[in-house]
Amino acid sequence: MKAADWDERYAEGRLWSVEPNRFFAEVVDGLEPGTAVDLACGEGRNSVWLAQQGWTVTAVDFSAAGIDRGRAGAEKLGVNVDWVVADLTEWDPDDRRWDLVAHVYLHWGRETREPFLRRAASWVAPGGRLVIIGHDLTNIEHGHGGPQEPAVLTTPEELKALLAGEGLQVERAETVLRPVTVTDDDGTERTVNAIDHVVIATRP
C-alpha cells in the first residue's frame, strides 16, 4: 500500500488500539530509557507509550494522517515525540544511532526487507537493541488474520541469520501466539490464535 492508501484508511478513524503492542511492551518494560526510533509507527501507539516511559523518541511513517494522529495523542498526554513523515526506503538519518530500534509489524518483500533490515541494524547504538515483532510466515497456514502473501512474511530463523551477519547478537528469536477474538456468522464469539514472531538483537 502507498502512503495515500494509508492516509485514506486512517481518515476513516483509528485503526489500532491506543495501547502499545503487548509483545513490544513486554520486551521494553524495565529497560533503562534512552533514545528510540519507531519505524513505520502508524498512529504512534508504541511511540507515545515509549515517551511516557521516559524514552527520547523519533517516530517515522510515510502516512501524514497517521503521524497527525500520533502527534495529537502525544499532545493530549503531554509527552514529546519527534514525528517524521518519510518513506523508510529512502529515509536517511545520517549518522544517528539509537539505543532502541523498533520494527513492529512492518512487512515487505525480500528484495526490500533484507536491505532495510541491514540498514535498521546499522542504526543500533553500541549496547542498544533492535526489536522486531511481526506476523510469522507460519500464520498463513496455522494461524489467523495478517497478510496472506508469503512473500512479505518471514521467520525467526531467517531474521536471526540476517542480523547475526550484521554483527548483532540475537538474544531471542521465536514464534509467539496472540489470542484473537472472532465472531462467527451466527454471532458466536470464540478465541483463535494468530502466530507472530519476536526477535531481539543487541549490538555489543
Protein backbone atom coordinates (compact mmCIF):
# COMPACT_ATOMS: atom_id res chain seq x y z
CA MET A 1 0.00 0.00 0.00
CA LYS A 2 1.10 3.54 -0.74
CA ALA A 3 1.12 6.45 1.68
CA ALA A 4 -2.10 7.81 0.15
CA ASP A 5 -3.80 4.46 0.77
CA TRP A 6 -2.89 4.58 4.47
CA ASP A 7 -3.94 8.23 4.69
CA GLU A 8 -7.36 7.17 3.40
CA ARG A 9 -7.61 4.30 5.88
CA TYR A 10 -6.64 6.50 8.82
CA ALA A 11 -9.16 9.12 7.71
CA GLU A 12 -11.92 6.61 8.47
CA GLY A 13 -11.00 6.54 12.16
CA ARG A 14 -8.49 4.91 14.48
CA LEU A 15 -7.36 1.52 13.20
CA TRP A 16 -5.37 0.24 16.16
CA SER A 17 -5.71 0.48 19.91
CA VAL A 18 -4.10 3.33 21.82
CA GLU A 19 -2.27 0.77 23.94
CA PRO A 20 1.19 -0.40 22.82
CA ASN A 21 1.61 -3.78 21.20
CA ARG A 22 1.60 -6.33 24.03
CA PHE A 23 4.78 -8.11 22.95
CA PHE A 24 6.64 -4.85 22.41
CA ALA A 25 5.63 -3.56 25.84
CA GLU A 26 6.72 -6.82 27.49
CA VAL A 27 10.13 -6.67 25.82
CA VAL A 28 10.81 -2.99 26.55
CA ASP A 29 9.29 -2.75 30.02
CA GLY A 30 12.05 -2.46 32.59
CA LEU A 31 14.75 -1.24 30.21
CA GLU A 32 16.64 1.90 31.11
CA PRO A 33 15.11 4.65 28.92
CA GLY A 34 17.36 6.12 26.27
CA THR A 35 16.91 7.08 22.65
CA ALA A 36 14.47 5.16 20.43
CA VAL A 37 13.27 5.16 16.85
CA ASP A 38 9.90 3.65 15.93
CA LEU A 39 9.97 2.57 12.28
CA ALA A 40 6.62 2.62 10.46
CA CYS A 41 4.99 3.98 13.61
CA GLY A 42 1.49 4.19 12.12
CA GLU A 43 -0.77 6.02 14.57
CA GLY A 44 2.05 6.19 17.07
CA ARG A 45 0.78 3.94 19.84
CA ASN A 46 4.21 2.44 20.58
CA SER A 47 5.96 5.80 20.16
CA VAL A 48 3.68 7.57 22.61
CA TRP A 49 3.99 4.74 25.12
CA LEU A 50 7.79 4.88 24.89
CA ALA A 51 7.73 8.61 25.52
CA GLN A 52 5.54 8.03 28.57
CA GLN A 53 8.20 5.65 29.89
CA GLY A 54 10.87 8.34 29.59
CA TRP A 55 12.39 7.48 26.20
CA THR A 56 13.50 10.16 23.73
CA VAL A 57 11.58 9.02 20.67
CA THR A 58 11.78 9.56 16.93
CA ALA A 59 8.71 8.19 15.12
CA VAL A 60 8.77 7.68 11.35
CA ASP A 61 5.98 6.81 8.92
CA PHE A 62 5.09 7.70 5.35
CA SER A 63 1.46 8.42 6.23
CA ALA A 64 0.94 12.06 7.21
CA ALA A 65 -2.51 11.14 8.55
CA GLY A 66 -1.01 8.51 10.84
CA ILE A 67 1.64 10.93 12.05
CA ASP A 68 -1.00 13.60 12.71
CA ARG A 69 -2.98 11.15 14.85
CA GLY A 70 0.13 10.17 16.77
CA ARG A 71 1.08 13.80 17.33
CA ALA A 72 -2.40 14.60 18.63
CA GLY A 73 -2.25 11.66 21.03
CA ALA A 74 1.14 12.72 22.34
CA GLU A 75 -0.01 16.30 22.86
CA LYS A 76 -3.09 15.10 24.73
CA LEU A 77 -0.90 13.13 27.11
CA GLY A 78 1.72 15.86 27.41
CA VAL A 79 4.67 13.87 26.03
CA ASN A 80 7.19 14.81 23.37
CA VAL A 81 7.93 12.75 20.26
CA ASP A 82 9.91 13.78 17.18
CA TRP A 83 7.42 12.94 14.39
CA VAL A 84 8.84 12.41 10.89
CA VAL A 85 6.85 11.89 7.69
CA ALA A 86 9.14 9.92 5.40
CA ASP A 87 9.34 6.88 3.15
CA LEU A 88 11.55 4.47 5.09
CA THR A 89 13.01 3.01 1.92
CA GLU A 90 14.52 6.45 1.24
CA TRP A 91 14.87 7.91 4.74
CA ASP A 92 18.45 8.71 5.73
CA PRO A 93 19.07 9.55 9.41
CA ASP A 94 22.70 10.36 8.62
CA ASP A 95 24.94 9.15 11.44
CA ARG A 96 22.25 8.91 14.10
CA ARG A 97 22.15 5.80 16.26
CA TRP A 98 19.56 4.73 18.83
CA ASP A 99 19.51 2.64 21.98
CA LEU A 100 16.28 1.04 20.77
CA VAL A 101 15.21 0.43 17.18
CA ALA A 102 11.57 -0.71 16.95
CA HIS A 103 10.49 -2.65 13.85
CA VAL A 104 6.89 -3.64 14.65
CA TYR A 105 4.56 -5.19 12.04
CA LEU A 106 6.48 -3.80 9.10
CA HIS A 107 6.18 -6.23 6.19
CA TRP A 108 7.92 -6.04 2.82
CA GLY A 109 9.02 -8.48 0.14
CA ARG A 110 12.52 -9.91 0.45
CA GLU A 111 14.03 -7.52 -2.09
CA THR A 112 13.07 -4.58 0.14
CA ARG A 113 13.01 -6.30 3.52
CA GLU A 114 16.59 -7.55 3.63
CA PRO A 115 18.37 -4.30 2.61
CA PHE A 116 16.18 -2.34 5.01
CA LEU A 117 16.82 -4.68 7.92
CA ARG A 118 20.54 -4.29 7.32
CA ARG A 119 20.12 -0.52 7.48
CA ALA A 120 17.98 -0.83 10.63
CA ALA A 121 20.68 -2.99 12.22
CA SER A 122 23.25 -0.28 11.48
CA TRP A 123 21.15 2.24 13.43
CA VAL A 124 21.56 0.32 16.71
CA ALA A 125 23.98 2.08 19.03
CA PRO A 126 26.61 0.11 20.97
CA GLY A 127 24.79 -1.57 23.84
CA GLY A 128 21.45 -0.95 22.13
CA ARG A 129 18.91 -3.35 20.70
CA LEU A 130 16.74 -3.97 17.69
CA VAL A 131 13.26 -5.33 18.44
CA ILE A 132 11.35 -6.96 15.59
CA ILE A 133 7.75 -8.09 16.00
CA GLY A 134 5.66 -9.25 13.09
CA HIS A 135 3.24 -11.72 11.58
CA ASP A 136 5.04 -15.02 11.11
CA LEU A 137 5.15 -16.93 7.83
CA THR A 138 3.50 -19.92 9.54
CA ASN A 139 0.49 -17.78 10.40
CA ILE A 140 -0.92 -18.19 6.89
CA GLU A 141 -1.46 -21.92 7.29
CA HIS A 142 -1.73 -22.35 11.04
CA GLY A 143 -2.84 -19.00 12.46
CA HIS A 144 -5.42 -16.28 11.95
CA GLY A 145 -5.50 -12.93 10.14
CA GLY A 146 -2.50 -10.94 8.98
CA PRO A 147 -1.06 -10.76 5.47
CA GLN A 148 -1.82 -13.80 3.33
CA GLU A 149 1.02 -13.21 0.88
CA PRO A 150 4.03 -15.43 1.74
CA ALA A 151 6.47 -13.11 0.01
CA VAL A 152 6.03 -10.38 2.63
CA LEU A 153 6.40 -12.66 5.64
CA THR A 154 9.45 -14.20 7.24
CA THR A 155 10.54 -16.42 10.14
CA PRO A 156 12.65 -16.03 13.28
CA GLU A 157 15.30 -18.27 11.74
CA GLU A 158 15.69 -16.08 8.68
CA LEU A 159 15.84 -12.92 10.76
CA LYS A 160 18.36 -14.43 13.18
CA ALA A 161 20.72 -15.35 10.35
CA LEU A 162 20.47 -11.93 8.72
CA LEU A 163 21.04 -9.95 11.92
CA ALA A 164 23.92 -12.14 13.05
CA GLY A 165 25.54 -11.36 9.72
CA GLU A 166 25.29 -7.66 10.56
CA GLY A 167 27.24 -8.03 13.80
CA LEU A 168 24.31 -8.16 16.20
CA GLN A 169 23.90 -10.75 18.95
CA VAL A 170 20.49 -12.36 18.72
CA GLU A 171 19.13 -12.87 22.23
CA ARG A 172 15.68 -14.10 21.29
CA ALA A 173 14.13 -15.38 18.05
CA GLU A 174 10.88 -17.30 18.40
CA THR A 175 7.24 -17.50 17.43
CA VAL A 176 4.54 -16.44 19.87
CA LEU A 177 0.77 -16.90 19.97
CA ARG A 178 -1.52 -13.87 20.05
CA PRO A 179 -5.13 -14.67 21.05
CA VAL A 180 -7.73 -13.01 18.83
CA THR A 181 -11.48 -12.94 19.43
CA VAL A 182 -13.56 -13.60 16.30
CA THR A 183 -17.31 -13.59 15.77
CA ASP A 184 -18.91 -16.32 13.66
CA ASP A 185 -21.82 -15.71 11.30
CA ASP A 186 -24.27 -16.82 13.99
CA GLY A 187 -22.90 -14.23 16.43
CA THR A 188 -20.91 -16.71 18.49
CA GLU A 189 -17.58 -15.40 19.76
CA ARG A 190 -14.55 -17.62 20.01
CA THR A 191 -10.83 -17.18 20.52
CA VAL A 192 -8.28 -18.19 17.93
CA ASN A 193 -4.51 -17.73 17.82
CA ALA A 194 -2.53 -15.58 15.45
CA ILE A 195 1.13 -16.55 15.11
CA ASP A 196 3.65 -13.73 15.42
CA HIS A 197 7.39 -13.70 15.95
CA VAL A 198 9.58 -11.76 18.37
CA VAL A 199 13.25 -11.16 17.61
CA ILE A 200 15.61 -9.22 19.86
CA ALA A 201 19.16 -8.46 18.82
CA THR A 202 21.77 -6.31 20.57
CA ARG A 203 24.94 -4.60 19.49
CA PRO A 204 27.90 -5.41 21.76
